[in-house]
Amino acid sequence: MDSVFIRDLRVETVVGIYDWERRIRQTVSLDLDMRTDIRAAADSDRIEDTLDYKAVAKRVVQFVSEQQFQLVETLAEKVAGLILDEFKIKELKVTVHKPGAVSGSKSVGVSIERSRHA
């Protein structure tokens, strides 16, 4: 299976469990690895035959920026569900980075892998 990916997609959203976090917007970074067959697109050289990563990025940014999350786990799960529901892919990996969440680290976060139910 081939992979179409997006790295370091930055989105401002409300994410966190503490009161102060619920009052501000923080930047999260997403890495998306979307598994799909790209052979038809390679043969035709047409955007209509592949996964349009710009459309995916635009939809994910819109969704995440309009929502509020307590946990990065919830954010990752909701993004995975959105992509599987709205785009023609079979499997994906979503990694959510929350920079600055732990003092002394560049980033913390979660990675999940999900697939479309047959």
Protein backbone atom coordinates (compact mmCIF):
# COMPACT_ATOMS: atom_id res chain seq x y z
CA MET A 1 0.00 0.00 0.00
CA ASP A 2 1.26 3.46 -0.90
CA SER A 3 1.32 6.42 1.45
CA VAL A 4 0.39 10.06 1.00
CA PHE A 5 1.71 12.08 3.90
CA ILE A 6 1.55 15.50 5.51
CA ARG A 7 4.19 16.55 8.06
CA ASP A 8 4.04 19.24 10.73
CA LEU A 9 0.56 20.56 9.91
CA ARG A 10 0.20 23.29 12.54
CA VAL A 11 -3.20 24.22 13.91
CA GLU A 12 -4.27 26.46 16.77
CA THR A 13 -6.93 24.95 19.00
CA VAL A 14 -8.06 24.62 22.59
CA VAL A 15 -6.49 21.49 24.05
CA GLY A 16 -5.77 20.63 27.66
CA ILE A 17 -7.24 19.64 31.00
CA TYR A 18 -6.20 22.60 33.11
CA ASP A 19 -8.34 25.71 33.51
CA TRP A 20 -5.66 27.98 32.05
CA GLU A 21 -5.41 25.71 28.98
CA ARG A 22 -9.15 25.94 28.42
CA ARG A 23 -8.89 29.74 28.15
CA ILE A 24 -6.18 29.90 25.47
CA ARG A 25 -5.45 28.52 22.03
CA GLN A 26 -2.33 26.39 21.63
CA THR A 27 -0.55 25.23 18.52
CA VAL A 28 -0.53 21.50 17.88
CA SER A 29 1.32 19.82 15.05
CA LEU A 30 -0.06 16.86 13.12
CA ASP A 31 1.68 14.25 11.00
CA LEU A 32 -0.65 12.28 8.74
CA ASP A 33 0.28 9.09 6.90
CA MET A 34 -2.63 8.03 4.69
CA ARG A 35 -2.41 4.67 2.96
CA THR A 36 -3.99 4.47 -0.47
CA ASP A 37 -3.23 3.08 -3.91
CA ILE A 38 -1.70 5.81 -6.07
CA ARG A 39 -1.14 3.75 -9.23
CA ALA A 40 -4.16 5.20 -11.10
CA ALA A 41 -2.92 8.72 -10.42
CA ALA A 42 0.61 7.81 -11.49
CA ASP A 43 -0.77 6.46 -14.77
CA SER A 44 -3.15 9.34 -15.49
CA ASP A 45 -1.17 12.22 -13.94
CA ARG A 46 -4.52 13.69 -12.79
CA ILE A 47 -5.34 15.03 -9.32
CA GLU A 48 -8.82 13.51 -9.57
CA ASP A 49 -7.25 10.04 -9.42
CA THR A 50 -5.36 10.51 -6.18
CA LEU A 51 -5.78 11.67 -2.60
CA ASP A 52 -5.65 15.47 -2.67
CA TYR A 53 -3.41 16.25 0.31
CA LYS A 54 -4.24 19.95 0.09
CA ALA A 55 -7.95 19.16 0.52
CA VAL A 56 -7.15 16.87 3.46
CA ALA A 57 -4.98 19.53 5.13
CA LYS A 58 -7.58 22.25 4.64
CA ARG A 59 -10.36 20.07 6.12
CA VAL A 60 -8.25 18.97 9.11
CA VAL A 61 -7.22 22.56 9.89
CA GLN A 62 -10.83 23.70 9.71
CA PHE A 63 -12.04 20.87 11.95
CA VAL A 64 -9.32 21.07 14.60
CA SER A 65 -9.39 24.88 14.84
CA GLU A 66 -13.17 24.86 15.40
CA GLN A 67 -13.14 22.19 18.13
CA GLN A 68 -12.01 22.00 21.74
CA PHE A 69 -10.30 18.96 23.23
CA GLN A 70 -9.19 17.98 26.68
CA LEU A 71 -6.84 15.24 25.52
CA VAL A 72 -4.54 14.90 22.52
CA GLU A 73 -5.80 11.31 22.37
CA THR A 74 -9.30 12.60 21.62
CA LEU A 75 -7.97 15.03 19.03
CA ALA A 76 -6.09 12.22 17.24
CA GLU A 77 -9.12 9.91 17.28
CA LYS A 78 -11.47 12.58 15.92
CA VAL A 79 -9.05 13.53 13.13
CA ALA A 80 -8.61 9.88 12.14
CA GLY A 81 -12.38 9.39 12.02
CA LEU A 82 -12.86 12.55 9.96
CA ILE A 83 -10.29 11.53 7.35
CA LEU A 84 -11.57 7.96 7.10
CA ASP A 85 -15.15 9.21 6.73
CA GLU A 86 -14.51 11.95 4.18
CA PHE A 87 -11.62 10.72 2.02
CA LYS A 88 -11.00 7.54 0.06
CA ILE A 89 -8.29 5.88 2.10
CA LYS A 90 -8.09 2.49 3.77
CA GLU A 91 -5.71 3.14 6.65
CA LEU A 92 -3.92 6.00 8.30
CA LYS A 93 -1.58 6.97 11.07
CA VAL A 94 -2.18 10.23 12.93
CA THR A 95 0.49 11.72 15.18
CA VAL A 96 -0.37 14.72 17.31
CA HIS A 97 2.46 16.76 18.83
CA LYS A 98 1.80 19.21 21.65
CA PRO A 99 4.95 21.35 21.84
CA GLY A 100 5.86 22.80 25.20
CA ALA A 101 3.54 20.54 27.18
CA VAL A 102 6.39 19.05 29.21
CA SER A 103 9.22 21.25 30.41
CA GLY A 104 12.54 20.20 28.92
CA SER A 105 11.03 18.40 25.92
CA LYS A 106 10.53 19.61 22.39
CA SER A 107 7.14 17.94 22.14
CA VAL A 108 4.89 15.26 23.54
CA GLY A 109 1.91 13.58 21.96
CA VAL A 110 0.32 10.42 20.64
CA SER A 111 0.31 8.33 17.48
CA ILE A 112 -2.63 6.16 16.48
CA GLU A 113 -3.29 3.90 13.51
CA ARG A 114 -6.82 3.32 12.27
CA SER A 115 -8.44 1.63 9.30
CA ARG A 116 -11.75 1.74 7.51
CA HIS A 117 -14.13 -0.98 8.60
CA ALA A 118 -15.17 -3.15 5.68
